[in-house]
Amino acid sequence: MFIFGGILLVIIGMLMFCFPNVVYSITELWKSDTSGEPSDAYKVHIRIKSVGVFCIGIFFIVAHFFIP
């Protein structure tokens, strides 16, 4: 189960890092009356979060091999 969750988190982390505009449109755009682009600060914030999600996914994959 660790390996499936880890792979899923790695994929989500990579997608968040590569496509922060899509994350914005899914999570924040519907809350706003204006249809604009995300700010540069939002893009940096999402990319930092994506690195965290990616690292947690790698941890789950590695933990699968060390936890019996």
PDB file of N, CA and C in Angstrom:
ATOM      1  N   MET A   1       0.819  -1.198   0.000  1.00  0.00           N
ATOM      2  CA  MET A   1       0.000   0.000   0.000  1.00  0.00           C
ATOM      3  C   MET A   1       0.860   1.259   0.000  1.00  0.00           C
ATOM      4  N   PHE A   2       2.027   1.167   0.679  1.00  0.00           N
ATOM      5  CA  PHE A   2       2.924   2.309   0.704  1.00  0.00           C
ATOM      6  C   PHE A   2       3.393   2.675  -0.702  1.00  0.00           C
ATOM      7  N   ILE A   3       3.676   1.656  -1.497  1.00  0.00           N
ATOM      8  CA  ILE A   3       4.254   1.935  -2.809  1.00  0.00           C
ATOM      9  C   ILE A   3       3.214   2.584  -3.733  1.00  0.00           C
ATOM     10  N   PHE A   4       1.966   2.151  -3.662  1.00  0.00           N
ATOM     11  CA  PHE A   4       0.921   2.761  -4.487  1.00  0.00           C
ATOM     12  C   PHE A   4       0.702   4.219  -4.088  1.00  0.00           C
ATOM     13  N   GLY A   5       0.605   4.479  -2.796  1.00  0.00           N
ATOM     14  CA  GLY A   5       0.443   5.851  -2.323  1.00  0.00           C
ATOM     15  C   GLY A   5       1.650   6.708  -2.667  1.00  0.00           C
ATOM     16  N   GLY A   6       2.835   6.136  -2.572  1.00  0.00           N
ATOM     17  CA  GLY A   6       4.046   6.863  -2.901  1.00  0.00           C
ATOM     18  C   GLY A   6       4.105   7.245  -4.369  1.00  0.00           C
ATOM     19  N   ILE A   7       3.770   6.293  -5.236  1.00  0.00           N
ATOM     20  CA  ILE A   7       3.761   6.583  -6.673  1.00  0.00           C
ATOM     21  C   ILE A   7       2.727   7.641  -6.996  1.00  0.00           C
ATOM     22  N   LEU A   8       1.574   7.547  -6.382  1.00  0.00           N
ATOM     23  CA  LEU A   8       0.522   8.541  -6.610  1.00  0.00           C
ATOM     24  C   LEU A   8       0.970   9.932  -6.162  1.00  0.00           C
ATOM     25  N   LEU A   9       1.606  10.025  -5.007  1.00  0.00           N
ATOM     26  CA  LEU A   9       2.093  11.320  -4.516  1.00  0.00           C
ATOM     27  C   LEU A   9       3.220  11.873  -5.389  1.00  0.00           C
ATOM     28  N   VAL A  10       4.084  11.010  -5.893  1.00  0.00           N
ATOM     29  CA  VAL A  10       5.152  11.468  -6.784  1.00  0.00           C
ATOM     30  C   VAL A  10       4.554  12.043  -8.064  1.00  0.00           C
ATOM     31  N   ILE A  11       3.572  11.369  -8.618  1.00  0.00           N
ATOM     32  CA  ILE A  11       2.923  11.856  -9.842  1.00  0.00           C
ATOM     33  C   ILE A  11       2.218  13.181  -9.584  1.00  0.00           C
ATOM     34  N   ILE A  12       1.484  13.282  -8.489  1.00  0.00           N
ATOM     35  CA  ILE A  12       0.788  14.527  -8.160  1.00  0.00           C
ATOM     36  C   ILE A  12       1.789  15.654  -7.941  1.00  0.00           C
ATOM     37  N   GLY A  13       2.891  15.369  -7.248  1.00  0.00           N
ATOM     38  CA  GLY A  13       3.913  16.381  -7.018  1.00  0.00           C
ATOM     39  C   GLY A  13       4.524  16.885  -8.317  1.00  0.00           C
ATOM     40  N   MET A  14       4.800  15.972  -9.240  1.00  0.00           N
ATOM     41  CA  MET A  14       5.372  16.384 -10.522  1.00  0.00           C
ATOM     42  C   MET A  14       4.384  17.212 -11.333  1.00  0.00           C
ATOM     43  N   LEU A  15       3.118  16.812 -11.319  1.00  0.00           N
ATOM     44  CA  LEU A  15       2.110  17.583 -12.053  1.00  0.00           C
ATOM     45  C   LEU A  15       1.913  18.967 -11.448  1.00  0.00           C
ATOM     46  N   MET A  16       1.927  19.049 -10.119  1.00  0.00           N
ATOM     47  CA  MET A  16       1.798  20.356  -9.467  1.00  0.00           C
ATOM     48  C   MET A  16       2.971  21.259  -9.821  1.00  0.00           C
ATOM     49  N   PHE A  17       4.165  20.699  -9.885  1.00  0.00           N
ATOM     50  CA  PHE A  17       5.349  21.497 -10.187  1.00  0.00           C
ATOM     51  C   PHE A  17       5.328  21.978 -11.641  1.00  0.00           C
ATOM     52  N   CYS A  18       4.917  21.111 -12.553  1.00  0.00           N
ATOM     53  CA  CYS A  18       4.953  21.457 -13.981  1.00  0.00           C
ATOM     54  C   CYS A  18       3.774  22.313 -14.420  1.00  0.00           C
ATOM     55  N   PHE A  19       2.626  22.161 -13.779  1.00  0.00           N
ATOM     56  CA  PHE A  19       1.412  22.853 -14.213  1.00  0.00           C
ATOM     57  C   PHE A  19       0.722  23.583 -13.063  1.00  0.00           C
ATOM     58  N   PRO A  20       1.335  24.641 -12.518  1.00  0.00           N
ATOM     59  CA  PRO A  20       0.686  25.353 -11.409  1.00  0.00           C
ATOM     60  C   PRO A  20      -0.587  26.088 -11.845  1.00  0.00           C
ATOM     61  N   ASN A  21      -0.712  26.420 -13.123  1.00  0.00           N
ATOM     62  CA  ASN A  21      -1.929  27.084 -13.610  1.00  0.00           C
ATOM     63  C   ASN A  21      -3.138  26.153 -13.524  1.00  0.00           C
ATOM     64  N   VAL A  22      -2.918  24.870 -13.764  1.00  0.00           N
ATOM     65  CA  VAL A  22      -4.017  23.903 -13.668  1.00  0.00           C
ATOM     66  C   VAL A  22      -4.452  23.747 -12.213  1.00  0.00           C
ATOM     67  N   VAL A  23      -3.482  23.727 -11.307  1.00  0.00           N
ATOM     68  CA  VAL A  23      -3.807  23.645  -9.876  1.00  0.00           C
ATOM     69  C   VAL A  23      -4.625  24.858  -9.471  1.00  0.00           C
ATOM     70  N   TYR A  24      -4.224  26.021  -9.979  1.00  0.00           N
ATOM     71  CA  TYR A  24      -4.967  27.251  -9.684  1.00  0.00           C
ATOM     72  C   TYR A  24      -6.403  27.162 -10.214  1.00  0.00           C
ATOM     73  N   SER A  25      -6.559  26.675 -11.429  1.00  0.00           N
ATOM     74  CA  SER A  25      -7.906  26.621 -11.993  1.00  0.00           C
ATOM     75  C   SER A  25      -8.791  25.611 -11.267  1.00  0.00           C
ATOM     76  N   ILE A  26      -8.199  24.555 -10.734  1.00  0.00           N
ATOM     77  CA  ILE A  26      -8.985  23.555 -10.010  1.00  0.00           C
ATOM     78  C   ILE A  26      -9.336  24.030  -8.605  1.00  0.00           C
ATOM     79  N   THR A  27      -8.380  24.665  -7.915  1.00  0.00           N
ATOM     80  CA  THR A  27      -8.576  24.963  -6.496  1.00  0.00           C
ATOM     81  C   THR A  27      -9.036  26.382  -6.191  1.00  0.00           C
ATOM     82  N   GLU A  28      -8.651  27.361  -7.000  1.00  0.00           N
ATOM     83  CA  GLU A  28      -8.896  28.752  -6.623  1.00  0.00           C
ATOM     84  C   GLU A  28      -9.759  29.546  -7.596  1.00  0.00           C
ATOM     85  N   LEU A  29      -9.759  29.211  -8.860  1.00  0.00           N
ATOM     86  CA  LEU A  29     -10.431  30.035  -9.862  1.00  0.00           C
ATOM     87  C   LEU A  29     -11.936  30.121  -9.626  1.00  0.00           C
ATOM     88  N   TRP A  30     -12.543  29.053  -9.166  1.00  0.00           N
ATOM     89  CA  TRP A  30     -13.987  29.050  -8.966  1.00  0.00           C
ATOM     90  C   TRP A  30     -14.398  29.963  -7.812  1.00  0.00           C
ATOM     91  N   LYS A  31     -13.454  30.343  -6.957  1.00  0.00           N
ATOM     92  CA  LYS A  31     -13.765  31.223  -5.833  1.00  0.00           C
ATOM     93  C   LYS A  31     -13.779  32.692  -6.227  1.00  0.00           C
ATOM     94  N   SER A  32     -13.250  33.015  -7.402  1.00  0.00           N
ATOM     95  CA  SER A  32     -13.075  34.398  -7.812  1.00  0.00           C
ATOM     96  C   SER A  32     -14.099  34.790  -8.869  1.00  0.00           C
ATOM     97  N   ASP A  33     -14.506  36.069  -8.848  1.00  0.00           N
ATOM     98  CA  ASP A  33     -15.414  36.573  -9.876  1.00  0.00           C
ATOM     99  C   ASP A  33     -14.682  36.882 -11.171  1.00  0.00           C
ATOM    100  N   THR A  34     -13.415  37.225 -11.073  1.00  0.00           N
ATOM    101  CA  THR A  34     -12.621  37.526 -12.256  1.00  0.00           C
ATOM    102  C   THR A  34     -11.877  36.281 -12.713  1.00  0.00           C
ATOM    103  N   SER A  35     -11.718  36.155 -13.994  1.00  0.00           N
ATOM    104  CA  SER A  35     -10.983  34.995 -14.514  1.00  0.00           C
ATOM    105  C   SER A  35      -9.594  35.459 -14.936  1.00  0.00           C
ATOM    106  N   GLY A  36      -8.677  35.418 -14.007  1.00  0.00           N
ATOM    107  CA  GLY A  36      -7.327  35.875 -14.281  1.00  0.00           C
ATOM    108  C   GLY A  36      -6.323  34.770 -14.070  1.00  0.00           C
ATOM    109  N   GLU A  37      -5.092  35.136 -14.278  1.00  0.00           N
ATOM    110  CA  GLU A  37      -3.981  34.216 -14.067  1.00  0.00           C
ATOM    111  C   GLU A  37      -3.547  34.256 -12.602  1.00  0.00           C
ATOM    112  N   PRO A  38      -2.944  33.173 -12.122  1.00  0.00           N
ATOM    113  CA  PRO A  38      -2.420  33.202 -10.754  1.00  0.00           C
ATOM    114  C   PRO A  38      -1.200  34.115 -10.668  1.00  0.00           C
ATOM    115  N   SER A  39      -0.977  34.653  -9.500  1.00  0.00           N
ATOM    116  CA  SER A  39       0.172  35.531  -9.314  1.00  0.00           C
ATOM    117  C   SER A  39       1.458  34.703  -9.293  1.00  0.00           C
ATOM    118  N   ASP A  40       2.569  35.397  -9.437  1.00  0.00           N
ATOM    119  CA  ASP A  40       3.865  34.715  -9.386  1.00  0.00           C
ATOM    120  C   ASP A  40       4.116  34.115  -8.007  1.00  0.00           C
ATOM    121  N   ALA A  41       3.659  34.801  -6.973  1.00  0.00           N
ATOM    122  CA  ALA A  41       3.819  34.285  -5.612  1.00  0.00           C
ATOM    123  C   ALA A  41       3.034  32.984  -5.433  1.00  0.00           C
ATOM    124  N   TYR A  42       1.837  32.903  -6.016  1.00  0.00           N
ATOM    125  CA  TYR A  42       1.035  31.683  -5.928  1.00  0.00           C
ATOM    126  C   TYR A  42       1.753  30.538  -6.637  1.00  0.00           C
ATOM    127  N   LYS A  43       2.344  30.829  -7.794  1.00  0.00           N
ATOM    128  CA  LYS A  43       3.060  29.783  -8.534  1.00  0.00           C
ATOM    129  C   LYS A  43       4.255  29.261  -7.739  1.00  0.00           C
ATOM    130  N   VAL A  44       4.984  30.168  -7.098  1.00  0.00           N
ATOM    131  CA  VAL A  44       6.119  29.746  -6.268  1.00  0.00           C
ATOM    132  C   VAL A  44       5.628  28.913  -5.086  1.00  0.00           C
ATOM    133  N   HIS A  45       4.538  29.349  -4.467  1.00  0.00           N
ATOM    134  CA  HIS A  45       3.963  28.625  -3.328  1.00  0.00           C
ATOM    135  C   HIS A  45       3.564  27.200  -3.733  1.00  0.00           C
ATOM    136  N   ILE A  46       2.909  27.055  -4.859  1.00  0.00           N
ATOM    137  CA  ILE A  46       2.481  25.736  -5.323  1.00  0.00           C
ATOM    138  C   ILE A  46       3.691  24.873  -5.656  1.00  0.00           C
ATOM    139  N   ARG A  47       4.712  25.471  -6.240  1.00  0.00           N
ATOM    140  CA  ARG A  47       5.903  24.692  -6.569  1.00  0.00           C
ATOM    141  C   ARG A  47       6.629  24.226  -5.311  1.00  0.00           C
ATOM    142  N   ILE A  48       6.648  25.043  -4.278  1.00  0.00           N
ATOM    143  CA  ILE A  48       7.261  24.626  -3.008  1.00  0.00           C
ATOM    144  C   ILE A  48       6.444  23.492  -2.391  1.00  0.00           C
ATOM    145  N   LYS A  49       5.122  23.606  -2.428  1.00  0.00           N
ATOM    146  CA  LYS A  49       4.270  22.525  -1.923  1.00  0.00           C
ATOM    147  C   LYS A  49       4.484  21.239  -2.707  1.00  0.00           C
ATOM    148  N   SER A  50       4.659  21.375  -4.028  1.00  0.00           N
ATOM    149  CA  SER A  50       4.824  20.185  -4.859  1.00  0.00           C
ATOM    150  C   SER A  50       6.110  19.444  -4.518  1.00  0.00           C
ATOM    151  N   VAL A  51       7.154  20.168  -4.152  1.00  0.00           N
ATOM    152  CA  VAL A  51       8.404  19.522  -3.742  1.00  0.00           C
ATOM    153  C   VAL A  51       8.165  18.721  -2.459  1.00  0.00           C
ATOM    154  N   GLY A  52       7.373  19.275  -1.544  1.00  0.00           N
ATOM    155  CA  GLY A  52       7.035  18.549  -0.321  1.00  0.00           C
ATOM    156  C   GLY A  52       6.239  17.290  -0.609  1.00  0.00           C
ATOM    157  N   VAL A  53       5.248  17.382  -1.484  1.00  0.00           N
ATOM    158  CA  VAL A  53       4.436  16.219  -1.843  1.00  0.00           C
ATOM    159  C   VAL A  53       5.309  15.161  -2.518  1.00  0.00           C
ATOM    160  N   PHE A  54       6.197  15.607  -3.396  1.00  0.00           N
ATOM    161  CA  PHE A  54       7.117  14.698  -4.079  1.00  0.00           C
ATOM    162  C   PHE A  54       8.010  13.970  -3.073  1.00  0.00           C
ATOM    163  N   CYS A  55       8.557  14.702  -2.107  1.00  0.00           N
ATOM    164  CA  CYS A  55       9.436  14.101  -1.099  1.00  0.00           C
ATOM    165  C   CYS A  55       8.691  13.094  -0.226  1.00  0.00           C
ATOM    166  N   ILE A  56       7.469  13.395   0.124  1.00  0.00           N
ATOM    167  CA  ILE A  56       6.672  12.448   0.910  1.00  0.00           C
ATOM    168  C   ILE A  56       6.403  11.182   0.101  1.00  0.00           C
ATOM    169  N   GLY A  57       6.138  11.349  -1.192  1.00  0.00           N
ATOM    170  CA  GLY A  57       5.947  10.187  -2.058  1.00  0.00           C
ATOM    171  C   GLY A  57       7.185   9.325  -2.139  1.00  0.00           C
ATOM    172  N   ILE A  58       8.354   9.958  -2.277  1.00  0.00           N
ATOM    173  CA  ILE A  58       9.609   9.204  -2.297  1.00  0.00           C
ATOM    174  C   ILE A  58       9.819   8.489  -0.967  1.00  0.00           C
ATOM    175  N   PHE A  59       9.499   9.153   0.138  1.00  0.00           N
ATOM    176  CA  PHE A  59       9.617   8.525   1.459  1.00  0.00           C
ATOM    177  C   PHE A  59       8.735   7.281   1.544  1.00  0.00           C
ATOM    178  N   PHE A  60       7.503   7.357   1.050  1.00  0.00           N
ATOM    179  CA  PHE A  60       6.613   6.193   1.090  1.00  0.00           C
ATOM    180  C   PHE A  60       7.177   5.042   0.259  1.00  0.00           C
ATOM    181  N   ILE A  61       7.741   5.361  -0.896  1.00  0.00           N
ATOM    182  CA  ILE A  61       8.301   4.308  -1.745  1.00  0.00           C
ATOM    183  C   ILE A  61       9.496   3.653  -1.061  1.00  0.00           C
ATOM    184  N   VAL A  62      10.370   4.450  -0.473  1.00  0.00           N
ATOM    185  CA  VAL A  62      11.535   3.910   0.213  1.00  0.00           C
ATOM    186  C   VAL A  62      11.097   3.146   1.461  1.00  0.00           C
ATOM    187  N   ALA A  63      10.111   3.635   2.177  1.00  0.00           N
ATOM    188  CA  ALA A  63       9.636   2.958   3.383  1.00  0.00           C
ATOM    189  C   ALA A  63       9.046   1.587   3.066  1.00  0.00           C
ATOM    190  N   HIS A  64       8.497   1.443   1.877  1.00  0.00           N
ATOM    191  CA  HIS A  64       7.941   0.152   1.487  1.00  0.00           C
ATOM    192  C   HIS A  64       9.012  -0.941   1.512  1.00  0.00           C
ATOM    193  N   PHE A  65      10.242  -0.579   1.176  1.00  0.00           N
ATOM    194  CA  PHE A  65      11.305  -1.569   1.127  1.00  0.00           C
ATOM    195  C   PHE A  65      11.947  -1.844   2.467  1.00  0.00           C
ATOM    196  N   PHE A  66      11.795  -0.932   3.431  1.00  0.00           N
ATOM    197  CA  PHE A  66      12.452  -1.103   4.718  1.00  0.00           C
ATOM    198  C   PHE A  66      11.504  -1.515   5.841  1.00  0.00           C
ATOM    199  N   ILE A  67      10.208  -1.349   5.664  1.00  0.00           N
ATOM    200  CA  ILE A  67       9.250  -1.767   6.686  1.00  0.00           C
ATOM    201  C   ILE A  67       8.700  -3.130   6.303  1.00  0.00           C
ATOM    202  N   PRO A  68       8.875  -4.117   7.154  1.00  0.00           N
ATOM    203  CA  PRO A  68       8.430  -5.484   6.788  1.00  0.00           C
ATOM    204  C   PRO A  68       6.928  -5.623   6.759  1.00  0.00           C
TER     205      PRO A  68
END
